[in-house]
Amino acid sequence: MKNNLRFLRRQKGWTQDKLAKSLGTSNHSISSYEIGKRDIPNDLLVKLADIFDVSVDYLLNRGMELHEVGGEYKTNRDIIFERLMEYPQIYMYLLDSKPEDIRRLAQFLSSVQNKG
């Protein structure tokens, strides 16, 4: 199971050793959890969520997939926002638009994409 453990640990500046010691487990276990070789036991999930101040859902990557981009980890939302900021006029249009206008724009973009 893919999870956000490695990202959170690195973001905090912790080594696998430091995290393992704080959880009372081994470096090997931490490595196995990070690469998805082993599932994280429920009791450790709760401890990890507390250590990193995130929800268990976030830890388990439910709804927020992370991608490594240029040595950084980013969510889909971050990547989309960065792309959108390259076109500020579209960003401003979306901010000022009604939901039905945004739906029409999405339908248009989808039709253009399907033609290509």
C-alpha atoms as a PDB file:
ATOM      1  CA  MET A   1       0.000   0.000   0.000  1.00  0.00           C
ATOM      2  CA  LYS A   2       1.407   3.372  -1.007  1.00  0.00           C
ATOM      3  CA  ASN A   3       1.504   5.879   1.844  1.00  0.00           C
ATOM      4  CA  ASN A   4       2.887   9.312   2.687  1.00  0.00           C
ATOM      5  CA  LEU A   5       5.221   8.158   5.457  1.00  0.00           C
ATOM      6  CA  ARG A   6       8.505   8.856   3.636  1.00  0.00           C
ATOM      7  CA  PHE A   7       7.320  12.305   2.582  1.00  0.00           C
ATOM      8  CA  LEU A   8       6.222  13.216   6.116  1.00  0.00           C
ATOM      9  CA  ARG A   9       9.404  11.863   7.698  1.00  0.00           C
ATOM     10  CA  ARG A  10      11.647  13.781   5.299  1.00  0.00           C
ATOM     11  CA  GLN A  11       9.563  16.926   5.664  1.00  0.00           C
ATOM     12  CA  LYS A  12      10.147  16.773   9.419  1.00  0.00           C
ATOM     13  CA  GLY A  13      13.880  16.200   8.829  1.00  0.00           C
ATOM     14  CA  TRP A  14      13.870  12.825  10.583  1.00  0.00           C
ATOM     15  CA  THR A  15      15.912   9.769   9.675  1.00  0.00           C
ATOM     16  CA  GLN A  16      14.376   6.318   9.553  1.00  0.00           C
ATOM     17  CA  ASP A  17      16.382   5.571  12.693  1.00  0.00           C
ATOM     18  CA  LYS A  18      14.906   8.493  14.623  1.00  0.00           C
ATOM     19  CA  LEU A  19      11.363   7.566  13.586  1.00  0.00           C
ATOM     20  CA  ALA A  20      11.940   3.903  14.421  1.00  0.00           C
ATOM     21  CA  LYS A  21      13.200   4.804  17.904  1.00  0.00           C
ATOM     22  CA  SER A  22      10.258   7.110  18.569  1.00  0.00           C
ATOM     23  CA  LEU A  23       7.879   4.280  17.634  1.00  0.00           C
ATOM     24  CA  GLY A  24       9.813   1.494  19.339  1.00  0.00           C
ATOM     25  CA  THR A  25      10.338  -0.411  16.118  1.00  0.00           C
ATOM     26  CA  SER A  26      13.201  -1.164  13.710  1.00  0.00           C
ATOM     27  CA  ASN A  27      14.656   0.745  10.759  1.00  0.00           C
ATOM     28  CA  HIS A  28      13.790  -2.261   8.619  1.00  0.00           C
ATOM     29  CA  SER A  29      10.130  -1.947   9.595  1.00  0.00           C
ATOM     30  CA  ILE A  30      10.087   1.763   8.762  1.00  0.00           C
ATOM     31  CA  SER A  31      11.692   1.058   5.386  1.00  0.00           C
ATOM     32  CA  SER A  32       9.144  -1.683   4.682  1.00  0.00           C
ATOM     33  CA  TYR A  33       6.264   0.641   5.577  1.00  0.00           C
ATOM     34  CA  GLU A  34       7.624   3.444   3.398  1.00  0.00           C
ATOM     35  CA  ILE A  35       7.944   1.316   0.272  1.00  0.00           C
ATOM     36  CA  GLY A  36       4.630  -0.425   0.866  1.00  0.00           C
ATOM     37  CA  LYS A  37       6.193  -3.844   1.425  1.00  0.00           C
ATOM     38  CA  ARG A  38       4.349  -4.149   4.753  1.00  0.00           C
ATOM     39  CA  ASP A  39       1.142  -2.573   5.982  1.00  0.00           C
ATOM     40  CA  ILE A  40       1.477  -0.231   8.935  1.00  0.00           C
ATOM     41  CA  PRO A  41      -0.203  -1.750  12.016  1.00  0.00           C
ATOM     42  CA  ASN A  42      -3.194   0.219  13.313  1.00  0.00           C
ATOM     43  CA  ASP A  43      -1.534   1.151  16.608  1.00  0.00           C
ATOM     44  CA  LEU A  44       1.438   2.635  14.730  1.00  0.00           C
ATOM     45  CA  LEU A  45      -0.862   4.464  12.310  1.00  0.00           C
ATOM     46  CA  VAL A  46      -2.364   6.372  15.224  1.00  0.00           C
ATOM     47  CA  LYS A  47       1.084   7.169  16.660  1.00  0.00           C
ATOM     48  CA  LEU A  48       2.364   8.306  13.263  1.00  0.00           C
ATOM     49  CA  ALA A  49      -0.673  10.518  12.712  1.00  0.00           C
ATOM     50  CA  ASP A  50       0.014  12.128  16.097  1.00  0.00           C
ATOM     51  CA  ILE A  51       3.754  12.553  15.437  1.00  0.00           C
ATOM     52  CA  PHE A  52       3.191  14.219  12.073  1.00  0.00           C
ATOM     53  CA  ASP A  53      -0.038  15.995  13.048  1.00  0.00           C
ATOM     54  CA  VAL A  54      -1.998  14.556  10.132  1.00  0.00           C
ATOM     55  CA  SER A  55      -5.041  12.333   9.785  1.00  0.00           C
ATOM     56  CA  VAL A  56      -4.702   8.590   9.305  1.00  0.00           C
ATOM     57  CA  ASP A  57      -6.421   9.071   5.929  1.00  0.00           C
ATOM     58  CA  TYR A  58      -3.696  11.499   4.844  1.00  0.00           C
ATOM     59  CA  LEU A  59      -1.007   9.136   6.101  1.00  0.00           C
ATOM     60  CA  LEU A  60      -2.522   6.315   4.049  1.00  0.00           C
ATOM     61  CA  ASN A  61      -2.742   8.565   0.992  1.00  0.00           C
ATOM     62  CA  ARG A  62      -6.516   8.507   0.789  1.00  0.00           C
ATOM     63  CA  GLY A  63      -7.470  11.357  -1.482  1.00  0.00           C
ATOM     64  CA  MET A  64      -4.057  13.034  -1.748  1.00  0.00           C
ATOM     65  CA  GLU A  65      -1.625  11.243  -3.973  1.00  0.00           C
ATOM     66  CA  LEU A  66       1.914  12.621  -3.865  1.00  0.00           C
ATOM     67  CA  HIS A  67       4.249  12.869  -6.834  1.00  0.00           C
ATOM     68  CA  GLU A  68       7.963  13.576  -6.795  1.00  0.00           C
ATOM     69  CA  VAL A  69       8.621  16.581  -9.018  1.00  0.00           C
ATOM     70  CA  GLY A  70      12.135  17.976  -9.207  1.00  0.00           C
ATOM     71  CA  GLY A  71      13.132  16.469  -5.863  1.00  0.00           C
ATOM     72  CA  GLU A  72      10.006  17.746  -4.102  1.00  0.00           C
ATOM     73  CA  TYR A  73       6.821  15.927  -3.207  1.00  0.00           C
ATOM     74  CA  LYS A  74       3.650  17.592  -4.436  1.00  0.00           C
ATOM     75  CA  THR A  75      -0.041  16.758  -4.349  1.00  0.00           C
ATOM     76  CA  ASN A  76      -2.127  16.727  -7.502  1.00  0.00           C
ATOM     77  CA  ARG A  77      -3.752  19.905  -6.193  1.00  0.00           C
ATOM     78  CA  ASP A  78      -0.356  21.642  -5.874  1.00  0.00           C
ATOM     79  CA  ILE A  79       0.668  20.611  -9.381  1.00  0.00           C
ATOM     80  CA  ILE A  80      -2.622  21.825 -10.866  1.00  0.00           C
ATOM     81  CA  PHE A  81      -2.426  25.118  -8.980  1.00  0.00           C
ATOM     82  CA  GLU A  82       1.133  25.747 -10.184  1.00  0.00           C
ATOM     83  CA  ARG A  83       0.078  25.046 -13.764  1.00  0.00           C
ATOM     84  CA  LEU A  84      -2.940  27.304 -13.375  1.00  0.00           C
ATOM     85  CA  MET A  85      -0.789  30.149 -12.039  1.00  0.00           C
ATOM     86  CA  GLU A  86       1.104  30.103 -15.340  1.00  0.00           C
ATOM     87  CA  TYR A  87      -2.123  31.514 -16.829  1.00  0.00           C
ATOM     88  CA  PRO A  88      -3.347  34.169 -14.386  1.00  0.00           C
ATOM     89  CA  GLN A  89      -6.182  35.281 -16.682  1.00  0.00           C
ATOM     90  CA  ILE A  90      -7.730  31.806 -16.459  1.00  0.00           C
ATOM     91  CA  TYR A  91      -7.232  31.769 -12.693  1.00  0.00           C
ATOM     92  CA  MET A  92      -8.988  35.139 -12.359  1.00  0.00           C
ATOM     93  CA  TYR A  93     -11.805  33.962 -14.631  1.00  0.00           C
ATOM     94  CA  LEU A  94     -12.352  30.895 -12.466  1.00  0.00           C
ATOM     95  CA  LEU A  95     -12.375  32.959  -9.274  1.00  0.00           C
ATOM     96  CA  ASP A  96     -15.083  35.251 -10.652  1.00  0.00           C
ATOM     97  CA  SER A  97     -17.177  32.585 -12.397  1.00  0.00           C
ATOM     98  CA  LYS A  98     -20.403  30.934 -11.394  1.00  0.00           C
ATOM     99  CA  PRO A  99     -20.339  27.134 -10.954  1.00  0.00           C
ATOM    100  CA  GLU A 100     -22.366  26.576 -14.143  1.00  0.00           C
ATOM    101  CA  ASP A 101     -19.836  28.633 -16.154  1.00  0.00           C
ATOM    102  CA  ILE A 102     -16.993  26.520 -14.776  1.00  0.00           C
ATOM    103  CA  ARG A 103     -18.886  23.334 -15.695  1.00  0.00           C
ATOM    104  CA  ARG A 104     -19.321  24.624 -19.273  1.00  0.00           C
ATOM    105  CA  LEU A 105     -15.618  25.441 -19.462  1.00  0.00           C
ATOM    106  CA  ALA A 106     -14.756  21.951 -18.188  1.00  0.00           C
ATOM    107  CA  GLN A 107     -17.035  20.385 -20.818  1.00  0.00           C
ATOM    108  CA  PHE A 108     -15.406  22.488 -23.526  1.00  0.00           C
ATOM    109  CA  LEU A 109     -11.894  21.538 -22.400  1.00  0.00           C
ATOM    110  CA  SER A 110     -12.903  17.887 -22.274  1.00  0.00           C
ATOM    111  CA  SER A 111     -14.256  18.033 -25.834  1.00  0.00           C
ATOM    112  CA  VAL A 112     -11.052  19.707 -27.076  1.00  0.00           C
ATOM    113  CA  GLN A 113      -8.946  17.073 -25.323  1.00  0.00           C
ATOM    114  CA  ASN A 114     -11.013  14.226 -26.822  1.00  0.00           C
ATOM    115  CA  LYS A 115     -10.521  15.612 -30.355  1.00  0.00           C
ATOM    116  CA  GLY A 116      -6.722  15.697 -29.928  1.00  0.00           C
END
